[in-house]
Amino acid sequence: MKKSIILILAVSFSLSFYSCREATQEKTEDAVKAIGKDIESGAKDAGEKIKKGTKKVKEEIHEEIHETDDMNHDNHDH
């Protein structure tokens, strides 16, 4: 009888451990998916900011070139 009780307790413990492990795995998978979405969103935002920054720098350089040409009385079209 003692062996039966120990066996039942061991099986119960194993099942509860497996259930907890399964729930933990699901929570981990959900967290990984959420992190992936955050990274994707952040990458898109960073890409857009880089494009805007590049465009702004390009415009500023273009203006600087034309101002320098005006100061030097250059009539070159750029």
C-alpha atoms as a PDB file:
ATOM      1  CA  MET A   1       0.000   0.000   0.000  1.00  0.00           C
ATOM      2  CA  LYS A   2       2.862   2.364   0.802  1.00  0.00           C
ATOM      3  CA  LYS A   3       4.365   1.792  -2.629  1.00  0.00           C
ATOM      4  CA  SER A   4       1.020   2.569  -4.279  1.00  0.00           C
ATOM      5  CA  ILE A   5       0.731   5.879  -2.440  1.00  0.00           C
ATOM      6  CA  ILE A   6       4.300   6.820  -3.330  1.00  0.00           C
ATOM      7  CA  LEU A   7       3.659   5.863  -6.956  1.00  0.00           C
ATOM      8  CA  ILE A   8       0.456   7.940  -7.068  1.00  0.00           C
ATOM      9  CA  LEU A   9       2.273  10.917  -5.524  1.00  0.00           C
ATOM     10  CA  ALA A  10       5.141  10.542  -7.996  1.00  0.00           C
ATOM     11  CA  VAL A  11       2.761  10.398 -10.962  1.00  0.00           C
ATOM     12  CA  SER A  12       0.799  13.402  -9.627  1.00  0.00           C
ATOM     13  CA  PHE A  13       3.990  15.379  -9.148  1.00  0.00           C
ATOM     14  CA  SER A  14       5.187  14.484 -12.650  1.00  0.00           C
ATOM     15  CA  LEU A  15       1.885  15.554 -14.212  1.00  0.00           C
ATOM     16  CA  SER A  16       1.777  18.838 -12.312  1.00  0.00           C
ATOM     17  CA  PHE A  17       5.415  19.536 -13.202  1.00  0.00           C
ATOM     18  CA  TYR A  18       4.680  18.826 -16.880  1.00  0.00           C
ATOM     19  CA  SER A  19       1.612  21.111 -16.819  1.00  0.00           C
ATOM     20  CA  CYS A  20       3.612  23.943 -15.283  1.00  0.00           C
ATOM     21  CA  ARG A  21       6.367  23.420 -17.806  1.00  0.00           C
ATOM     22  CA  GLU A  22       3.865  23.526 -20.662  1.00  0.00           C
ATOM     23  CA  ALA A  23       2.283  26.745 -19.350  1.00  0.00           C
ATOM     24  CA  THR A  24       5.720  28.287 -18.925  1.00  0.00           C
ATOM     25  CA  GLN A  25       6.634  27.318 -22.472  1.00  0.00           C
ATOM     26  CA  GLU A  26       3.452  28.924 -23.833  1.00  0.00           C
ATOM     27  CA  LYS A  27       4.096  32.113 -21.869  1.00  0.00           C
ATOM     28  CA  THR A  28       7.667  32.179 -23.142  1.00  0.00           C
ATOM     29  CA  GLU A  29       6.513  31.740 -26.734  1.00  0.00           C
ATOM     30  CA  ASP A  30       3.998  34.569 -26.318  1.00  0.00           C
ATOM     31  CA  ALA A  31       6.695  36.813 -24.858  1.00  0.00           C
ATOM     32  CA  VAL A  32       9.069  36.005 -27.716  1.00  0.00           C
ATOM     33  CA  LYS A  33       6.374  36.863 -30.271  1.00  0.00           C
ATOM     34  CA  ALA A  34       5.657  40.167 -28.512  1.00  0.00           C
ATOM     35  CA  ILE A  35       9.357  41.018 -28.428  1.00  0.00           C
ATOM     36  CA  GLY A  36       9.621  40.187 -32.130  1.00  0.00           C
ATOM     37  CA  LYS A  37       6.761  42.559 -32.929  1.00  0.00           C
ATOM     38  CA  ASP A  38       8.372  45.302 -30.826  1.00  0.00           C
ATOM     39  CA  ILE A  39      11.688  44.838 -32.624  1.00  0.00           C
ATOM     40  CA  GLU A  40       9.982  44.921 -36.025  1.00  0.00           C
ATOM     41  CA  SER A  41       8.103  48.085 -35.140  1.00  0.00           C
ATOM     42  CA  GLY A  42      11.243  49.710 -33.768  1.00  0.00           C
ATOM     43  CA  ALA A  43      13.190  48.816 -36.894  1.00  0.00           C
ATOM     44  CA  LYS A  44      10.517  50.367 -39.113  1.00  0.00           C
ATOM     45  CA  ASP A  45      10.514  53.545 -37.027  1.00  0.00           C
ATOM     46  CA  ALA A  46      14.308  53.713 -37.124  1.00  0.00           C
ATOM     47  CA  GLY A  47      14.298  53.229 -40.892  1.00  0.00           C
ATOM     48  CA  GLU A  48      11.822  56.070 -41.360  1.00  0.00           C
ATOM     49  CA  LYS A  49      13.853  58.390 -39.114  1.00  0.00           C
ATOM     50  CA  ILE A  50      17.033  57.538 -41.024  1.00  0.00           C
ATOM     51  CA  LYS A  51      15.324  58.331 -44.335  1.00  0.00           C
ATOM     52  CA  LYS A  52      14.042  61.665 -43.002  1.00  0.00           C
ATOM     53  CA  GLY A  53      17.440  62.532 -41.545  1.00  0.00           C
ATOM     54  CA  THR A  54      19.214  61.643 -44.778  1.00  0.00           C
ATOM     55  CA  LYS A  55      16.809  63.786 -46.783  1.00  0.00           C
ATOM     56  CA  LYS A  56      17.284  66.718 -44.413  1.00  0.00           C
ATOM     57  CA  VAL A  57      21.078  66.477 -44.579  1.00  0.00           C
ATOM     58  CA  LYS A  58      20.931  66.256 -48.364  1.00  0.00           C
ATOM     59  CA  GLU A  59      18.768  69.394 -48.513  1.00  0.00           C
ATOM     60  CA  GLU A  60      21.094  71.259 -46.143  1.00  0.00           C
ATOM     61  CA  ILE A  61      24.151  70.304 -48.194  1.00  0.00           C
ATOM     62  CA  HIS A  62      22.384  71.402 -51.372  1.00  0.00           C
ATOM     63  CA  GLU A  63      21.526  74.773 -49.789  1.00  0.00           C
ATOM     64  CA  GLU A  64      25.084  75.169 -48.512  1.00  0.00           C
ATOM     65  CA  ILE A  65      26.502  74.545 -51.982  1.00  0.00           C
ATOM     66  CA  HIS A  66      24.210  77.150 -53.531  1.00  0.00           C
ATOM     67  CA  GLU A  67      24.994  79.719 -50.835  1.00  0.00           C
ATOM     68  CA  THR A  68      28.721  79.200 -51.391  1.00  0.00           C
ATOM     69  CA  ASP A  69      28.254  79.578 -55.142  1.00  0.00           C
ATOM     70  CA  ASP A  70      26.338  82.828 -54.586  1.00  0.00           C
ATOM     71  CA  MET A  71      29.104  84.170 -52.331  1.00  0.00           C
ATOM     72  CA  ASN A  72      31.748  83.310 -54.908  1.00  0.00           C
ATOM     73  CA  HIS A  73      29.596  84.650 -57.724  1.00  0.00           C
ATOM     74  CA  ASP A  74      29.598  81.300 -59.421  1.00  0.00           C
ATOM     75  CA  ASN A  75      26.800  80.797 -61.874  1.00  0.00           C
ATOM     76  CA  HIS A  76      27.078  77.018 -62.128  1.00  0.00           C
ATOM     77  CA  ASP A  77      23.860  75.047 -62.079  1.00  0.00           C
ATOM     78  CA  HIS A  78      23.990  72.110 -59.642  1.00  0.00           C
END
